[in-house]
Each structure stands twice: as C-alpha cells, then as structure tokens.
Amino acid sequence: MKNRLIKPFTTSISTITSELKAVSISLTYNANRYSSVDIIVKNYGAVSYSGIIYVILKDTSEIVIASGSKTTDTITASATTSVSVSLTWAPNKTVNDIASILIIIVQAS
C-alpha cells in the first residue's frame, strides 16, 4: 500500500550543494513498517549527474530506527527519475515509532 501515514511526523529533505532535488516522495507500507521510499528526483543542472540518496527514519529521541541508501543512475539535464530506497529496520521498531524522516541527496562529482 502506498502513502499510508500511520501517524503524523516531520519530513526533511536536504541536498548537499546539488543540482539534484526531490520532487516527490511516497512510502510503501508493509507489515507495520515502510519497506521502501520512492523518490522522484529532478536534475536542475545543465549537465548530467548521478547521486546518492540516503533515507533515515528517527524516533522522538532522534535515534535511527530505519535507514537505507541508493545510488541513482545518471540523470540528464532537466530530466527526472524514480529511485526506490529499501529500508532496513532496527529490531522491534515499527511505523508507530517514527517521529521524523530525513532524506539527503548527495550529487556525485
């Protein structure tokens, strides 16, 4: 199931000196956890770039309860691509423990 929020939480999307930006995100819900995060990434630059996307889910104590990363294919100038980042969860943690999601996009040089 896509885009099912069990409870409210904050989402922060950061780029580190990057022409690659997240256009949208969706969460895949499976067995009381989000199994993956699908991110539409756009290249706002004038040349092709690839990048690495990091997804970090934290609880109210700022402890990481799930995370994942994925390298993008090369994205041509002004194009978008979809990237699916699989998440690995800490034992005994579920969507009920999420307080925030951090998505970081690092442009490869």
PDB file of N, CA and C in Angstrom:
ATOM      1  N   MET A   1       0.848  -1.154   0.000  1.00  0.00           N
ATOM      2  CA  MET A   1       0.000   0.000   0.000  1.00  0.00           C
ATOM      3  C   MET A   1       0.907   1.234   0.000  1.00  0.00           C
ATOM      4  N   LYS A   2       0.570   2.228  -0.776  1.00  0.00           N
ATOM      5  CA  LYS A   2       1.357   3.450  -0.878  1.00  0.00           C
ATOM      6  C   LYS A   2       0.712   4.582  -0.091  1.00  0.00           C
ATOM      7  N   ASN A   3       1.575   5.459   0.440  1.00  0.00           N
ATOM      8  CA  ASN A   3       1.161   6.724   1.047  1.00  0.00           C
ATOM      9  C   ASN A   3       0.211   6.595   2.229  1.00  0.00           C
ATOM     10  N   ARG A   4       0.357   5.555   3.022  1.00  0.00           N
ATOM     11  CA  ARG A   4      -0.473   5.428   4.205  1.00  0.00           C
ATOM     12  C   ARG A   4       0.322   5.905   5.411  1.00  0.00           C
ATOM     13  N   LEU A   5      -0.081   7.022   5.989  1.00  0.00           N
ATOM     14  CA  LEU A   5       0.592   7.538   7.170  1.00  0.00           C
ATOM     15  C   LEU A   5      -0.123   7.037   8.403  1.00  0.00           C
ATOM     16  N   ILE A   6       0.606   6.363   9.251  1.00  0.00           N
ATOM     17  CA  ILE A   6       0.028   5.806  10.464  1.00  0.00           C
ATOM     18  C   ILE A   6      -0.170   6.899  11.503  1.00  0.00           C
ATOM     19  N   LYS A   7       0.777   7.829  11.560  1.00  0.00           N
ATOM     20  CA  LYS A   7       0.670   8.975  12.456  1.00  0.00           C
ATOM     21  C   LYS A   7       1.474  10.114  11.851  1.00  0.00           C
ATOM     22  N   PRO A   8       1.222  11.346  12.262  1.00  0.00           N
ATOM     23  CA  PRO A   8       1.978  12.469  11.700  1.00  0.00           C
ATOM     24  C   PRO A   8       3.448  12.420  12.104  1.00  0.00           C
ATOM     25  N   PHE A   9       4.317  12.872  11.220  1.00  0.00           N
ATOM     26  CA  PHE A   9       5.727  13.042  11.517  1.00  0.00           C
ATOM     27  C   PHE A   9       6.272  14.095  10.579  1.00  0.00           C
ATOM     28  N   THR A  10       7.460  14.594  10.861  1.00  0.00           N
ATOM     29  CA  THR A  10       8.046  15.619  10.011  1.00  0.00           C
ATOM     30  C   THR A  10       8.978  14.984   8.993  1.00  0.00           C
ATOM     31  N   THR A  11       9.061  15.596   7.830  1.00  0.00           N
ATOM     32  CA  THR A  11       9.959  15.140   6.774  1.00  0.00           C
ATOM     33  C   THR A  11      10.877  16.288   6.405  1.00  0.00           C
ATOM     34  N   SER A  12      12.167  15.995   6.377  1.00  0.00           N
ATOM     35  CA  SER A  12      13.159  16.988   5.988  1.00  0.00           C
ATOM     36  C   SER A  12      13.914  16.445   4.780  1.00  0.00           C
ATOM     37  N   ILE A  13      13.985  17.244   3.719  1.00  0.00           N
ATOM     38  CA  ILE A  13      14.705  16.843   2.519  1.00  0.00           C
ATOM     39  C   ILE A  13      15.852  17.814   2.324  1.00  0.00           C
ATOM     40  N   SER A  14      17.063  17.280   2.293  1.00  0.00           N
ATOM     41  CA  SER A  14      18.257  18.114   2.174  1.00  0.00           C
ATOM     42  C   SER A  14      19.048  17.723   0.943  1.00  0.00           C
ATOM     43  N   THR A  15      19.677  18.712   0.336  1.00  0.00           N
ATOM     44  CA  THR A  15      20.626  18.454  -0.743  1.00  0.00           C
ATOM     45  C   THR A  15      21.928  19.128  -0.362  1.00  0.00           C
ATOM     46  N   ILE A  16      23.019  18.460  -0.650  1.00  0.00           N
ATOM     47  CA  ILE A  16      24.320  18.995  -0.297  1.00  0.00           C
ATOM     48  C   ILE A  16      24.957  19.529  -1.573  1.00  0.00           C
ATOM     49  N   THR A  17      24.880  20.848  -1.776  1.00  0.00           N
ATOM     50  CA  THR A  17      25.407  21.512  -2.966  1.00  0.00           C
ATOM     51  C   THR A  17      25.103  20.678  -4.201  1.00  0.00           C
ATOM     52  N   SER A  18      23.849  20.569  -4.511  1.00  0.00           N
ATOM     53  CA  SER A  18      23.423  19.634  -5.542  1.00  0.00           C
ATOM     54  C   SER A  18      22.426  20.254  -6.511  1.00  0.00           C
ATOM     55  N   GLU A  19      22.532  19.851  -7.755  1.00  0.00           N
ATOM     56  CA  GLU A  19      21.517  20.185  -8.759  1.00  0.00           C
ATOM     57  C   GLU A  19      20.388  19.161  -8.737  1.00  0.00           C
ATOM     58  N   LEU A  20      20.564  18.082  -7.977  1.00  0.00           N
ATOM     59  CA  LEU A  20      19.547  17.040  -7.873  1.00  0.00           C
ATOM     60  C   LEU A  20      18.638  17.353  -6.689  1.00  0.00           C
ATOM     61  N   LYS A  21      17.336  17.389  -6.931  1.00  0.00           N
ATOM     62  CA  LYS A  21      16.360  17.722  -5.894  1.00  0.00           C
ATOM     63  C   LYS A  21      15.213  16.717  -5.920  1.00  0.00           C
ATOM     64  N   ALA A  22      14.654  16.451  -4.752  1.00  0.00           N
ATOM     65  CA  ALA A  22      13.483  15.580  -4.656  1.00  0.00           C
ATOM     66  C   ALA A  22      12.254  16.362  -5.092  1.00  0.00           C
ATOM     67  N   VAL A  23      11.475  15.788  -5.998  1.00  0.00           N
ATOM     68  CA  VAL A  23      10.243  16.396  -6.467  1.00  0.00           C
ATOM     69  C   VAL A  23       9.064  15.851  -5.662  1.00  0.00           C
ATOM     70  N   SER A  24       9.102  14.551  -5.353  1.00  0.00           N
ATOM     71  CA  SER A  24       8.050  13.945  -4.542  1.00  0.00           C
ATOM     72  C   SER A  24       8.577  12.677  -3.879  1.00  0.00           C
ATOM     73  N   ILE A  25       7.907  12.302  -2.794  1.00  0.00           N
ATOM     74  CA  ILE A  25       8.242  11.042  -2.133  1.00  0.00           C
ATOM     75  C   ILE A  25       6.953  10.284  -1.850  1.00  0.00           C
ATOM     76  N   SER A  26       7.066   8.960  -1.828  1.00  0.00           N
ATOM     77  CA  SER A  26       5.949   8.120  -1.397  1.00  0.00           C
ATOM     78  C   SER A  26       6.521   6.947  -0.613  1.00  0.00           C
ATOM     79  N   LEU A  27       5.757   6.506   0.359  1.00  0.00           N
ATOM     80  CA  LEU A  27       6.192   5.449   1.261  1.00  0.00           C
ATOM     81  C   LEU A  27       5.412   4.176   0.960  1.00  0.00           C
ATOM     82  N   THR A  28       6.107   3.043   0.914  1.00  0.00           N
ATOM     83  CA  THR A  28       5.445   1.761   0.699  1.00  0.00           C
ATOM     84  C   THR A  28       5.270   1.080   2.052  1.00  0.00           C
ATOM     85  N   TYR A  29       4.021   0.890   2.447  1.00  0.00           N
ATOM     86  CA  TYR A  29       3.669   0.305   3.746  1.00  0.00           C
ATOM     87  C   TYR A  29       3.531  -1.199   3.615  1.00  0.00           C
ATOM     88  N   ASN A  30       4.178  -1.929   4.561  1.00  0.00           N
ATOM     89  CA  ASN A  30       4.117  -3.386   4.523  1.00  0.00           C
ATOM     90  C   ASN A  30       4.364  -3.928   5.932  1.00  0.00           C
ATOM     91  N   ALA A  31       3.377  -4.590   6.505  1.00  0.00           N
ATOM     92  CA  ALA A  31       3.514  -5.272   7.801  1.00  0.00           C
ATOM     93  C   ALA A  31       3.999  -4.340   8.915  1.00  0.00           C
ATOM     94  N   ASN A  32       3.316  -3.220   9.079  1.00  0.00           N
ATOM     95  CA  ASN A  32       3.563  -2.258  10.144  1.00  0.00           C
ATOM     96  C   ASN A  32       4.918  -1.546  10.040  1.00  0.00           C
ATOM     97  N   ARG A  33       5.466  -1.551   8.823  1.00  0.00           N
ATOM     98  CA  ARG A  33       6.709  -0.839   8.539  1.00  0.00           C
ATOM     99  C   ARG A  33       6.624  -0.276   7.125  1.00  0.00           C
ATOM    100  N   TYR A  34       7.433   0.728   6.849  1.00  0.00           N
ATOM    101  CA  TYR A  34       7.602   1.179   5.473  1.00  0.00           C
ATOM    102  C   TYR A  34       8.766   0.389   4.901  1.00  0.00           C
ATOM    103  N   SER A  35       8.516  -0.398   3.887  1.00  0.00           N
ATOM    104  CA  SER A  35       9.566  -1.243   3.319  1.00  0.00           C
ATOM    105  C   SER A  35      10.483  -0.465   2.390  1.00  0.00           C
ATOM    106  N   SER A  36       9.956   0.600   1.786  1.00  0.00           N
ATOM    107  CA  SER A  36      10.783   1.410   0.897  1.00  0.00           C
ATOM    108  C   SER A  36      10.207   2.816   0.782  1.00  0.00           C
ATOM    109  N   VAL A  37      11.049   3.707   0.274  1.00  0.00           N
ATOM    110  CA  VAL A  37      10.646   5.080  -0.012  1.00  0.00           C
ATOM    111  C   VAL A  37      10.951   5.325  -1.486  1.00  0.00           C
ATOM    112  N   ASP A  38       9.939   5.710  -2.247  1.00  0.00           N
ATOM    113  CA  ASP A  38      10.103   6.021  -3.661  1.00  0.00           C
ATOM    114  C   ASP A  38      10.221   7.533  -3.803  1.00  0.00           C
ATOM    115  N   ILE A  39      11.291   7.959  -4.457  1.00  0.00           N
ATOM    116  CA  ILE A  39      11.591   9.382  -4.573  1.00  0.00           C
ATOM    117  C   ILE A  39      11.731   9.739  -6.048  1.00  0.00           C
ATOM    118  N   ILE A  40      11.004  10.762  -6.473  1.00  0.00           N
ATOM    119  CA  ILE A  40      11.197  11.315  -7.817  1.00  0.00           C
ATOM    120  C   ILE A  40      12.253  12.402  -7.688  1.00  0.00           C
ATOM    121  N   VAL A  41      13.357  12.233  -8.422  1.00  0.00           N
ATOM    122  CA  VAL A  41      14.482  13.160  -8.357  1.00  0.00           C
ATOM    123  C   VAL A  41      14.590  13.887  -9.690  1.00  0.00           C
ATOM    124  N   LYS A  42      14.767  15.212  -9.625  1.00  0.00           N
ATOM    125  CA  LYS A  42      14.945  16.009 -10.835  1.00  0.00           C
ATOM    126  C   LYS A  42      16.341  16.611 -10.852  1.00  0.00           C
ATOM    127  N   ASN A  43      16.948  16.607 -12.038  1.00  0.00           N
ATOM    128  CA  ASN A  43      18.232  17.260 -12.255  1.00  0.00           C
ATOM    129  C   ASN A  43      17.958  18.672 -12.763  1.00  0.00           C
ATOM    130  N   TYR A  44      18.227  19.672 -11.941  1.00  0.00           N
ATOM    131  CA  TYR A  44      18.033  21.069 -12.318  1.00  0.00           C
ATOM    132  C   TYR A  44      19.281  21.658 -12.969  1.00  0.00           C
ATOM    133  N   GLY A  45      20.310  20.848 -13.143  1.00  0.00           N
ATOM    134  CA  GLY A  45      21.559  21.319 -13.728  1.00  0.00           C
ATOM    135  C   GLY A  45      21.541  21.327 -15.244  1.00  0.00           C
ATOM    136  N   ALA A  46      22.627  21.843 -15.812  1.00  0.00           N
ATOM    137  CA  ALA A  46      22.767  21.941 -17.265  1.00  0.00           C
ATOM    138  C   ALA A  46      23.504  20.739 -17.856  1.00  0.00           C
ATOM    139  N   VAL A  47      24.037  19.865 -16.997  1.00  0.00           N
ATOM    140  CA  VAL A  47      24.739  18.659 -17.451  1.00  0.00           C
ATOM    141  C   VAL A  47      24.192  17.448 -16.691  1.00  0.00           C
ATOM    142  N   SER A  48      24.572  16.263 -17.114  1.00  0.00           N
ATOM    143  CA  SER A  48      24.111  15.025 -16.477  1.00  0.00           C
ATOM    144  C   SER A  48      24.818  14.810 -15.137  1.00  0.00           C
ATOM    145  N   TYR A  49      24.071  14.270 -14.170  1.00  0.00           N
ATOM    146  CA  TYR A  49      24.613  13.946 -12.852  1.00  0.00           C
ATOM    147  C   TYR A  49      24.023  12.632 -12.359  1.00  0.00           C
ATOM    148  N   SER A  50      24.760  11.979 -11.481  1.00  0.00           N
ATOM    149  CA  SER A  50      24.203  10.893 -10.681  1.00  0.00           C
ATOM    150  C   SER A  50      24.339  11.327  -9.229  1.00  0.00           C
ATOM    151  N   GLY A  51      23.786  10.557  -8.332  1.00  0.00           N
ATOM    152  CA  GLY A  51      23.858  10.938  -6.929  1.00  0.00           C
ATOM    153  C   GLY A  51      23.583   9.763  -6.024  1.00  0.00           C
ATOM    154  N   ILE A  52      23.681  10.011  -4.732  1.00  0.00           N
ATOM    155  CA  ILE A  52      23.360   9.015  -3.716  1.00  0.00           C
ATOM    156  C   ILE A  52      22.248   9.596  -2.854  1.00  0.00           C
ATOM    157  N   ILE A  53      21.229   8.790  -2.604  1.00  0.00           N
ATOM    158  CA  ILE A  53      20.108   9.206  -1.768  1.00  0.00           C
ATOM    159  C   ILE A  53      20.152   8.401  -0.475  1.00  0.00           C
ATOM    160  N   TYR A  54      20.109   9.112   0.636  1.00  0.00           N
ATOM    161  CA  TYR A  54      20.067   8.493   1.956  1.00  0.00           C
ATOM    162  C   TYR A  54      18.706   8.786   2.573  1.00  0.00           C
ATOM    163  N   VAL A  55      18.086   7.762   3.163  1.00  0.00           N
ATOM    164  CA  VAL A  55      16.810   7.927   3.861  1.00  0.00           C
ATOM    165  C   VAL A  55      17.021   7.442   5.294  1.00  0.00           C
ATOM    166  N   ILE A  56      16.664   8.297   6.261  1.00  0.00           N
ATOM    167  CA  ILE A  56      16.862   7.985   7.678  1.00  0.00           C
ATOM    168  C   ILE A  56      15.558   8.261   8.415  1.00  0.00           C
ATOM    169  N   LEU A  57      15.051   7.272   9.132  1.00  0.00           N
ATOM    170  CA  LEU A  57      13.865   7.431   9.966  1.00  0.00           C
ATOM    171  C   LEU A  57      14.312   7.429  11.414  1.00  0.00           C
ATOM    172  N   LYS A  58      13.812   8.412  12.196  1.00  0.00           N
ATOM    173  CA  LYS A  58      14.203   8.544  13.598  1.00  0.00           C
ATOM    174  C   LYS A  58      12.983   8.537  14.506  1.00  0.00           C
ATOM    175  N   ASP A  59      13.223   8.164  15.761  1.00  0.00           N
ATOM    176  CA  ASP A  59      12.160   8.227  16.759  1.00  0.00           C
ATOM    177  C   ASP A  59      12.230   9.568  17.490  1.00  0.00           C
ATOM    178  N   THR A  60      11.424   9.743  18.516  1.00  0.00           N
ATOM    179  CA  THR A  60      11.359  11.026  19.217  1.00  0.00           C
ATOM    180  C   THR A  60      12.652  11.356  19.961  1.00  0.00           C
ATOM    181  N   SER A  61      13.489  10.365  20.223  1.00  0.00           N
ATOM    182  CA  SER A  61      14.787  10.588  20.871  1.00  0.00           C
ATOM    183  C   SER A  61      15.898  10.822  19.854  1.00  0.00           C
ATOM    184  N   GLU A  62      15.526  10.953  18.573  1.00  0.00           N
ATOM    185  CA  GLU A  62      16.479  11.161  17.471  1.00  0.00           C
ATOM    186  C   GLU A  62      17.359   9.936  17.215  1.00  0.00           C
ATOM    187  N   ILE A  63      16.913   8.772  17.647  1.00  0.00           N
ATOM    188  CA  ILE A  63      17.632   7.525  17.392  1.00  0.00           C
ATOM    189  C   ILE A  63      17.166   6.968  16.053  1.00  0.00           C
ATOM    190  N   VAL A  64      18.111   6.532  15.229  1.00  0.00           N
ATOM    191  CA  VAL A  64      17.778   5.962  13.915  1.00  0.00           C
ATOM    192  C   VAL A  64      17.092   4.616  14.122  1.00  0.00           C
ATOM    193  N   ILE A  65      15.887   4.497  13.552  1.00  0.00           N
ATOM    194  CA  ILE A  65      15.143   3.236  13.668  1.00  0.00           C
ATOM    195  C   ILE A  65      15.042   2.503  12.336  1.00  0.00           C
ATOM    196  N   ALA A  66      15.321   3.208  11.237  1.00  0.00           N
ATOM    197  CA  ALA A  66      15.350   2.567   9.917  1.00  0.00           C
ATOM    198  C   ALA A  66      16.165   3.457   8.990  1.00  0.00           C
ATOM    199  N   SER A  67      16.805   2.830   8.010  1.00  0.00           N
ATOM    200  CA  SER A  67      17.596   3.620   7.065  1.00  0.00           C
ATOM    201  C   SER A  67      17.844   2.825   5.795  1.00  0.00           C
ATOM    202  N   GLY A  68      18.274   3.549   4.776  1.00  0.00           N
ATOM    203  CA  GLY A  68      18.637   2.929   3.507  1.00  0.00           C
ATOM    204  C   GLY A  68      19.298   3.952   2.610  1.00  0.00           C
ATOM    205  N   SER A  69      19.955   3.481   1.565  1.00  0.00           N
ATOM    206  CA  SER A  69      20.567   4.382   0.598  1.00  0.00           C
ATOM    207  C   SER A  69      20.581   3.720  -0.765  1.00  0.00           C
ATOM    208  N   LYS A  70      20.696   4.566  -1.779  1.00  0.00           N
ATOM    209  CA  LYS A  70      20.728   4.051  -3.146  1.00  0.00           C
ATOM    210  C   LYS A  70      21.409   5.067  -4.043  1.00  0.00           C
ATOM    211  N   THR A  71      22.239   4.564  -4.956  1.00  0.00           N
ATOM    212  CA  THR A  71      22.869   5.402  -5.963  1.00  0.00           C
ATOM    213  C   THR A  71      21.927   5.519  -7.159  1.00  0.00           C
ATOM    214  N   THR A  72      21.765   6.723  -7.667  1.00  0.00           N
ATOM    215  CA  THR A  72      20.901   6.930  -8.833  1.00  0.00           C
ATOM    216  C   THR A  72      21.658   6.581 -10.108  1.00  0.00           C
ATOM    217  N   ASP A  73      20.932   6.301 -11.147  1.00  0.00           N
ATOM    218  CA  ASP A  73      21.523   6.247 -12.474  1.00  0.00           C
ATOM    219  C   ASP A  73      21.853   7.674 -12.872  1.00  0.00           C
ATOM    220  N   THR A  74      22.585   7.847 -13.939  1.00  0.00           N
ATOM    221  CA  THR A  74      22.868   9.193 -14.433  1.00  0.00           C
ATOM    222  C   THR A  74      21.564   9.832 -14.909  1.00  0.00           C
ATOM    223  N   ILE A  75      21.325  11.059 -14.458  1.00  0.00           N
ATOM    224  CA  ILE A  75      20.113  11.793 -14.809  1.00  0.00           C
ATOM    225  C   ILE A  75      20.535  12.931 -15.729  1.00  0.00           C
ATOM    226  N   THR A  76      19.998  12.961 -16.929  1.00  0.00           N
ATOM    227  CA  THR A  76      20.356  14.020 -17.879  1.00  0.00           C
ATOM    228  C   THR A  76      19.784  15.359 -17.422  1.00  0.00           C
ATOM    229  N   ALA A  77      20.327  16.435 -17.970  1.00  0.00           N
ATOM    230  CA  ALA A  77      19.897  17.785 -17.600  1.00  0.00           C
ATOM    231  C   ALA A  77      18.388  17.939 -17.758  1.00  0.00           C
ATOM    232  N   SER A  78      17.748  18.515 -16.767  1.00  0.00           N
ATOM    233  CA  SER A  78      16.306  18.809 -16.732  1.00  0.00           C
ATOM    234  C   SER A  78      15.405  17.578 -16.684  1.00  0.00           C
ATOM    235  N   ALA A  79      15.977  16.400 -16.562  1.00  0.00           N
ATOM    236  CA  ALA A  79      15.180  15.165 -16.531  1.00  0.00           C
ATOM    237  C   ALA A  79      14.858  14.760 -15.093  1.00  0.00           C
ATOM    238  N   THR A  80      13.871  13.866 -14.962  1.00  0.00           N
ATOM    239  CA  THR A  80      13.531  13.284 -13.666  1.00  0.00           C
ATOM    240  C   THR A  80      13.701  11.773 -13.744  1.00  0.00           C
ATOM    241  N   THR A  81      13.873  11.173 -12.574  1.00  0.00           N
ATOM    242  CA  THR A  81      13.943   9.719 -12.488  1.00  0.00           C
ATOM    243  C   THR A  81      13.333   9.288 -11.169  1.00  0.00           C
ATOM    244  N   SER A  82      12.880   8.050 -11.115  1.00  0.00           N
ATOM    245  CA  SER A  82      12.322   7.492  -9.884  1.00  0.00           C
ATOM    246  C   SER A  82      13.358   6.577  -9.243  1.00  0.00           C
ATOM    247  N   VAL A  83      13.549   6.757  -7.945  1.00  0.00           N
ATOM    248  CA  VAL A  83      14.511   5.947  -7.201  1.00  0.00           C
ATOM    249  C   VAL A  83      13.775   5.319  -6.023  1.00  0.00           C
ATOM    250  N   SER A  84      13.914   4.012  -5.862  1.00  0.00           N
ATOM    251  CA  SER A  84      13.301   3.311  -4.746  1.00  0.00           C
ATOM    252  C   SER A  84      14.392   2.905  -3.758  1.00  0.00           C
ATOM    253  N   VAL A  85      14.292   3.423  -2.541  1.00  0.00           N
ATOM    254  CA  VAL A  85      15.284   3.138  -1.497  1.00  0.00           C
ATOM    255  C   VAL A  85      14.665   2.148  -0.511  1.00  0.00           C
ATOM    256  N   SER A  86      15.235   0.947  -0.430  1.00  0.00           N
ATOM    257  CA  SER A  86      14.778  -0.067   0.526  1.00  0.00           C
ATOM    258  C   SER A  86      15.265   0.293   1.920  1.00  0.00           C
ATOM    259  N   LEU A  87      14.421   0.038   2.915  1.00  0.00           N
ATOM    260  CA  LEU A  87      14.756   0.383   4.292  1.00  0.00           C
ATOM    261  C   LEU A  87      15.066  -0.858   5.115  1.00  0.00           C
ATOM    262  N   THR A  88      16.071  -0.742   5.973  1.00  0.00           N
ATOM    263  CA  THR A  88      16.409  -1.766   6.965  1.00  0.00           C
ATOM    264  C   THR A  88      16.027  -1.211   8.329  1.00  0.00           C
ATOM    265  N   TRP A  89      15.273  -1.997   9.087  1.00  0.00           N
ATOM    266  CA  TRP A  89      14.716  -1.533  10.356  1.00  0.00           C
ATOM    267  C   TRP A  89      15.472  -2.095  11.551  1.00  0.00           C
ATOM    268  N   ALA A  90      15.527  -1.310  12.632  1.00  0.00           N
ATOM    269  CA  ALA A  90      16.047  -1.788  13.918  1.00  0.00           C
ATOM    270  C   ALA A  90      15.041  -2.791  14.487  1.00  0.00           C
ATOM    271  N   PRO A  91      15.520  -3.767  15.247  1.00  0.00           N
ATOM    272  CA  PRO A  91      14.608  -4.762  15.826  1.00  0.00           C
ATOM    273  C   PRO A  91      13.517  -4.110  16.679  1.00  0.00           C
ATOM    274  N   ASN A  92      12.339  -4.654  16.584  1.00  0.00           N
ATOM    275  CA  ASN A  92      11.180  -4.260  17.398  1.00  0.00           C
ATOM    276  C   ASN A  92      10.694  -2.836  17.162  1.00  0.00           C
ATOM    277  N   LYS A  93      11.088  -2.214  16.069  1.00  0.00           N
ATOM    278  CA  LYS A  93      10.609  -0.875  15.741  1.00  0.00           C
ATOM    279  C   LYS A  93       9.590  -0.961  14.613  1.00  0.00           C
ATOM    280  N   THR A  94       8.593  -0.069  14.645  1.00  0.00           N
ATOM    281  CA  THR A  94       7.535  -0.053  13.631  1.00  0.00           C
ATOM    282  C   THR A  94       7.240   1.390  13.241  1.00  0.00           C
ATOM    283  N   VAL A  95       6.284   1.565  12.346  1.00  0.00           N
ATOM    284  CA  VAL A  95       5.905   2.917  11.930  1.00  0.00           C
ATOM    285  C   VAL A  95       5.400   3.758  13.099  1.00  0.00           C
ATOM    286  N   ASN A  96       4.900   3.120  14.131  1.00  0.00           N
ATOM    287  CA  ASN A  96       4.419   3.868  15.304  1.00  0.00           C
ATOM    288  C   ASN A  96       5.547   4.584  16.033  1.00  0.00           C
ATOM    289  N   ASP A  97       6.788   4.178  15.795  1.00  0.00           N
ATOM    290  CA  ASP A  97       7.942   4.789  16.452  1.00  0.00           C
ATOM    291  C   ASP A  97       8.518   5.975  15.682  1.00  0.00           C
ATOM    292  N   ILE A  98       8.047   6.214  14.461  1.00  0.00           N
ATOM    293  CA  ILE A  98       8.623   7.277  13.630  1.00  0.00           C
ATOM    294  C   ILE A  98       8.203   8.649  14.132  1.00  0.00           C
ATOM    295  N   ALA A  99       9.215   9.522  14.303  1.00  0.00           N
ATOM    296  CA  ALA A  99       8.951  10.928  14.608  1.00  0.00           C
ATOM    297  C   ALA A  99       9.367  11.813  13.443  1.00  0.00           C
ATOM    298  N   SER A 100      10.382  11.372  12.672  1.00  0.00           N
ATOM    299  CA  SER A 100      10.837  12.191  11.554  1.00  0.00           C
ATOM    300  C   SER A 100      11.513  11.323  10.492  1.00  0.00           C
ATOM    301  N   ILE A 101      11.510  11.856   9.280  1.00  0.00           N
ATOM    302  CA  ILE A 101      12.207  11.228   8.156  1.00  0.00           C
ATOM    303  C   ILE A 101      13.150  12.272   7.577  1.00  0.00           C
ATOM    304  N   LEU A 102      14.390  11.872   7.364  1.00  0.00           N
ATOM    305  CA  LEU A 102      15.386  12.727   6.745  1.00  0.00           C
ATOM    306  C   LEU A 102      15.803  12.091   5.422  1.00  0.00           C
ATOM    307  N   ILE A 103      15.719  12.869   4.359  1.00  0.00           N
ATOM    308  CA  ILE A 103      16.156  12.411   3.044  1.00  0.00           C
ATOM    309  C   ILE A 103      17.277  13.337   2.601  1.00  0.00           C
ATOM    310  N   ILE A 104      18.443  12.752   2.321  1.00  0.00           N
ATOM    311  CA  ILE A 104      19.616  13.528   1.905  1.00  0.00           C
ATOM    312  C   ILE A 104      20.002  13.081   0.504  1.00  0.00           C
ATOM    313  N   ILE A 105      20.176  14.054  -0.393  1.00  0.00           N
ATOM    314  CA  ILE A 105      20.606  13.769  -1.757  1.00  0.00           C
ATOM    315  C   ILE A 105      21.980  14.375  -1.947  1.00  0.00           C
ATOM    316  N   VAL A 106      22.968  13.533  -2.261  1.00  0.00           N
ATOM    317  CA  VAL A 106      24.336  13.964  -2.480  1.00  0.00           C
ATOM    318  C   VAL A 106      24.656  13.768  -3.959  1.00  0.00           C
ATOM    319  N   GLN A 107      24.989  14.833  -4.631  1.00  0.00           N
ATOM    320  CA  GLN A 107      25.321  14.777  -6.052  1.00  0.00           C
ATOM    321  C   GLN A 107      26.729  14.210  -6.212  1.00  0.00           C
ATOM    322  N   ALA A 108      26.871  13.211  -7.094  1.00  0.00           N
ATOM    323  CA  ALA A 108      28.194  12.642  -7.362  1.00  0.00           C
ATOM    324  C   ALA A 108      28.977  13.616  -8.239  1.00  0.00           C
ATOM    325  N   SER A 109      30.276  13.632  -8.047  1.00  0.00           N
ATOM    326  CA  SER A 109      31.098  14.560  -8.825  1.00  0.00           C
ATOM    327  C   SER A 109      31.570  13.931 -10.122  1.00  0.00           C
TER     328      SER A 109
END
